[in-house]
C-alpha cells in the first residue's frame, strides 16, 4: 500500500473521516496504510479540517431536523393536557428536562462565541 495520499484526495480523506469512516475503512478506500491516515490525523490542521467538516455535516442534519423538532415539541405540549395523569406527567418531565438542556446548550454556545470574539479582538491588537 502507498504511504502518501495525493493532495487532491486529502480533502476526500477528510470527508470520509468526518462522515464516520474508521481509520481502517478510510485507509482501504484510498489505498493507503492505516499509519498514513494516522499520520494525517496527527497533524493539527488536518484534524481541524475533519472537525470542521463534521461540524458542517451535523449542522446540515440539525437544520433538516429543526421543523420536526418543532412538531415534536407541539406533540409533547398537547400531551400535557392528556386525561391520563401518567402521560401528562411524562410530557411535563420531558419538557422540563429538554428545556433545561436546550437552555444550557444555548448559553454555552453564546459564552463560547463571546470568548472567540474576545480572542479575535486580542489578536488584532497584538502586532
C-alpha atoms as a PDB file:
ATOM      1  CA  UNK A   1       0.000   0.000   0.000  1.00  0.00           C
ATOM      2  CA  UNK A   2       1.046   3.542  -0.671  1.00  0.00           C
ATOM      3  CA  UNK A   3       2.265   5.758   2.146  1.00  0.00           C
ATOM      4  CA  UNK A   4       1.050   9.015   0.624  1.00  0.00           C
ATOM      5  CA  UNK A   5      -2.331  10.484  -0.142  1.00  0.00           C
ATOM      6  CA  UNK A   6      -2.435  12.598  -3.293  1.00  0.00           C
ATOM      7  CA  UNK A   7      -3.058  16.277  -2.451  1.00  0.00           C
ATOM      8  CA  UNK A   8      -6.463  16.294  -4.147  1.00  0.00           C
ATOM      9  CA  UNK A   9      -7.505  13.231  -2.184  1.00  0.00           C
ATOM     10  CA  UNK A  10      -6.683  14.722   1.223  1.00  0.00           C
ATOM     11  CA  UNK A  11      -9.985  16.600   1.197  1.00  0.00           C
ATOM     12  CA  UNK A  12     -11.816  13.415   0.263  1.00  0.00           C
ATOM     13  CA  UNK A  13      -9.990  11.583   3.066  1.00  0.00           C
ATOM     14  CA  UNK A  14     -11.045  14.308   5.488  1.00  0.00           C
ATOM     15  CA  UNK A  15     -14.671  13.989   4.289  1.00  0.00           C
ATOM     16  CA  UNK A  16     -14.553  10.214   4.701  1.00  0.00           C
ATOM     17  CA  UNK A  17     -13.286  10.513   8.275  1.00  0.00           C
ATOM     18  CA  UNK A  18     -15.707  13.333   9.101  1.00  0.00           C
ATOM     19  CA  UNK A  19     -18.642  11.278   7.877  1.00  0.00           C
ATOM     20  CA  UNK A  20     -17.817   8.366  10.164  1.00  0.00           C
ATOM     21  CA  UNK A  21     -15.415   6.094   8.324  1.00  0.00           C
ATOM     22  CA  UNK A  22     -12.937   4.398  10.629  1.00  0.00           C
ATOM     23  CA  UNK A  23      -9.208   4.807  10.084  1.00  0.00           C
ATOM     24  CA  UNK A  24      -9.079   1.290   8.625  1.00  0.00           C
ATOM     25  CA  UNK A  25     -12.034   1.935   6.298  1.00  0.00           C
ATOM     26  CA  UNK A  26     -10.589   5.236   5.085  1.00  0.00           C
ATOM     27  CA  UNK A  27      -7.168   3.654   4.533  1.00  0.00           C
ATOM     28  CA  UNK A  28      -8.703   0.877   2.467  1.00  0.00           C
ATOM     29  CA  UNK A  29     -10.887   3.286   0.473  1.00  0.00           C
ATOM     30  CA  UNK A  30      -7.886   5.418  -0.511  1.00  0.00           C
ATOM     31  CA  UNK A  31      -5.388   2.576  -0.919  1.00  0.00           C
ATOM     32  CA  UNK A  32      -3.058   3.759   1.834  1.00  0.00           C
ATOM     33  CA  UNK A  33      -1.880   2.266   5.097  1.00  0.00           C
ATOM     34  CA  UNK A  34      -3.583   2.859   8.429  1.00  0.00           C
ATOM     35  CA  UNK A  35      -0.357   4.518   9.565  1.00  0.00           C
ATOM     36  CA  UNK A  36      -0.657   7.060   6.725  1.00  0.00           C
ATOM     37  CA  UNK A  37      -4.160   8.023   7.855  1.00  0.00           C
ATOM     38  CA  UNK A  38      -2.937   8.200  11.470  1.00  0.00           C
ATOM     39  CA  UNK A  39      -0.065  10.500  10.382  1.00  0.00           C
ATOM     40  CA  UNK A  40      -2.552  12.839   8.732  1.00  0.00           C
ATOM     41  CA  UNK A  41      -4.715  12.824  11.852  1.00  0.00           C
ATOM     42  CA  UNK A  42      -1.656  13.656  13.942  1.00  0.00           C
ATOM     43  CA  UNK A  43      -1.418  16.990  12.121  1.00  0.00           C
ATOM     44  CA  UNK A  44      -3.482  19.704  13.861  1.00  0.00           C
ATOM     45  CA  UNK A  45      -4.520  21.359  10.591  1.00  0.00           C
ATOM     46  CA  UNK A  46      -5.879  18.083   9.197  1.00  0.00           C
ATOM     47  CA  UNK A  47      -7.710  17.286  12.463  1.00  0.00           C
ATOM     48  CA  UNK A  48      -9.246  20.773  12.376  1.00  0.00           C
ATOM     49  CA  UNK A  49     -10.364  20.187   8.774  1.00  0.00           C
ATOM     50  CA  UNK A  50     -12.021  16.889   9.750  1.00  0.00           C
ATOM     51  CA  UNK A  51     -13.684  18.562  12.763  1.00  0.00           C
ATOM     52  CA  UNK A  52     -14.903  21.488  10.623  1.00  0.00           C
ATOM     53  CA  UNK A  53     -16.357  19.126   8.018  1.00  0.00           C
ATOM     54  CA  UNK A  54     -18.003  17.008  10.718  1.00  0.00           C
ATOM     55  CA  UNK A  55     -19.486  20.191  12.166  1.00  0.00           C
ATOM     56  CA  UNK A  56     -20.900  21.090   8.761  1.00  0.00           C
ATOM     57  CA  UNK A  57     -22.466  17.639   8.407  1.00  0.00           C
ATOM     58  CA  UNK A  58     -24.008  17.873  11.860  1.00  0.00           C
ATOM     59  CA  UNK A  59     -25.204  21.420  11.217  1.00  0.00           C
ATOM     60  CA  UNK A  60     -26.871  20.358   7.979  1.00  0.00           C
ATOM     61  CA  UNK A  61     -28.587  17.423   9.682  1.00  0.00           C
ATOM     62  CA  UNK A  62     -29.724  19.621  12.553  1.00  0.00           C
ATOM     63  CA  UNK A  63     -31.160  22.141  10.116  1.00  0.00           C
ATOM     64  CA  UNK A  64     -33.191  19.413   8.438  1.00  0.00           C
ATOM     65  CA  UNK A  65     -34.428  18.217  11.845  1.00  0.00           C
ATOM     66  CA  UNK A  66     -35.499  21.649  13.112  1.00  0.00           C
ATOM     67  CA  UNK A  67     -39.007  21.558  11.646  1.00  0.00           C
ATOM     68  CA  UNK A  68     -39.670  18.112  13.085  1.00  0.00           C
ATOM     69  CA  UNK A  69     -38.324  19.219  16.457  1.00  0.00           C
ATOM     70  CA  UNK A  70     -40.998  21.915  16.495  1.00  0.00           C
ATOM     71  CA  UNK A  71     -43.644  19.332  15.630  1.00  0.00           C
ATOM     72  CA  UNK A  72     -42.334  17.051  18.384  1.00  0.00           C
ATOM     73  CA  UNK A  73     -42.496  19.889  20.901  1.00  0.00           C
ATOM     74  CA  UNK A  74     -46.084  20.592  19.815  1.00  0.00           C
ATOM     75  CA  UNK A  75     -46.943  16.924  20.382  1.00  0.00           C
ATOM     76  CA  UNK A  76     -45.434  16.949  23.874  1.00  0.00           C
ATOM     77  CA  UNK A  77     -47.310  20.179  24.630  1.00  0.00           C
ATOM     78  CA  UNK A  78     -50.592  18.535  23.607  1.00  0.00           C
ATOM     79  CA  UNK A  79     -49.807  15.543  25.835  1.00  0.00           C
ATOM     80  CA  UNK A  80     -49.665  17.869  28.837  1.00  0.00           C
ATOM     81  CA  UNK A  81     -53.464  18.048  28.566  1.00  0.00           C
ATOM     82  CA  UNK A  82     -53.893  14.262  28.444  1.00  0.00           C
ATOM     83  CA  UNK A  83     -56.667  12.730  30.529  1.00  0.00           C
ATOM     84  CA  UNK A  84     -54.143  10.099  31.632  1.00  0.00           C
ATOM     85  CA  UNK A  85     -52.131  11.623  34.503  1.00  0.00           C
ATOM     86  CA  UNK A  86     -49.156   9.341  33.796  1.00  0.00           C
ATOM     87  CA  UNK A  87     -48.948  10.597  30.190  1.00  0.00           C
ATOM     88  CA  UNK A  88     -49.266  14.229  31.312  1.00  0.00           C
ATOM     89  CA  UNK A  89     -46.542  13.710  33.938  1.00  0.00           C
ATOM     90  CA  UNK A  90     -44.143  12.144  31.391  1.00  0.00           C
ATOM     91  CA  UNK A  91     -44.803  15.025  28.993  1.00  0.00           C
ATOM     92  CA  UNK A  92     -44.108  17.556  31.745  1.00  0.00           C
ATOM     93  CA  UNK A  93     -40.879  15.795  32.696  1.00  0.00           C
ATOM     94  CA  UNK A  94     -39.771  15.697  29.069  1.00  0.00           C
ATOM     95  CA  UNK A  95     -40.461  19.403  28.596  1.00  0.00           C
ATOM     96  CA  UNK A  96     -38.630  20.376  31.778  1.00  0.00           C
ATOM     97  CA  UNK A  97     -35.649  18.135  31.111  1.00  0.00           C
ATOM     98  CA  UNK A  98     -35.238  19.012  27.446  1.00  0.00           C
ATOM     99  CA  UNK A  99     -35.976  22.690  28.037  1.00  0.00           C
ATOM    100  CA  UNK A 100     -33.210  22.958  30.632  1.00  0.00           C
ATOM    101  CA  UNK A 101     -30.745  21.133  28.406  1.00  0.00           C
ATOM    102  CA  UNK A 102     -31.602  23.362  25.461  1.00  0.00           C
ATOM    103  CA  UNK A 103     -31.173  26.477  27.607  1.00  0.00           C
ATOM    104  CA  UNK A 104     -27.780  25.217  28.823  1.00  0.00           C
ATOM    105  CA  UNK A 105     -26.708  24.480  25.266  1.00  0.00           C
ATOM    106  CA  UNK A 106     -27.714  27.933  24.016  1.00  0.00           C
ATOM    107  CA  UNK A 107     -25.975  29.643  26.950  1.00  0.00           C
ATOM    108  CA  UNK A 108     -22.810  27.600  26.390  1.00  0.00           C
ATOM    109  CA  UNK A 109     -22.833  28.410  22.687  1.00  0.00           C
ATOM    110  CA  UNK A 110     -23.199  32.125  23.486  1.00  0.00           C
ATOM    111  CA  UNK A 111     -20.351  32.018  26.009  1.00  0.00           C
ATOM    112  CA  UNK A 112     -18.050  30.237  23.547  1.00  0.00           C
ATOM    113  CA  UNK A 113     -18.862  32.838  20.889  1.00  0.00           C
ATOM    114  CA  UNK A 114     -18.047  35.644  23.329  1.00  0.00           C
ATOM    115  CA  UNK A 115     -14.694  34.006  24.150  1.00  0.00           C
ATOM    116  CA  UNK A 116     -13.872  33.508  20.470  1.00  0.00           C
ATOM    117  CA  UNK A 117     -14.745  37.147  19.770  1.00  0.00           C
ATOM    118  CA  UNK A 118     -12.508  38.280  22.641  1.00  0.00           C
ATOM    119  CA  UNK A 119      -9.597  36.143  21.381  1.00  0.00           C
ATOM    120  CA  UNK A 120     -10.049  37.593  17.875  1.00  0.00           C
ATOM    121  CA  UNK A 121     -10.071  41.150  19.257  1.00  0.00           C
ATOM    122  CA  UNK A 122      -6.894  40.499  21.248  1.00  0.00           C
ATOM    123  CA  UNK A 123      -5.151  39.011  18.223  1.00  0.00           C
ATOM    124  CA  UNK A 124      -5.984  42.128  16.217  1.00  0.00           C
ATOM    125  CA  UNK A 125      -4.392  44.315  18.892  1.00  0.00           C
ATOM    126  CA  UNK A 126      -1.140  42.359  19.135  1.00  0.00           C
ATOM    127  CA  UNK A 127       1.472  43.107  16.476  1.00  0.00           C
END
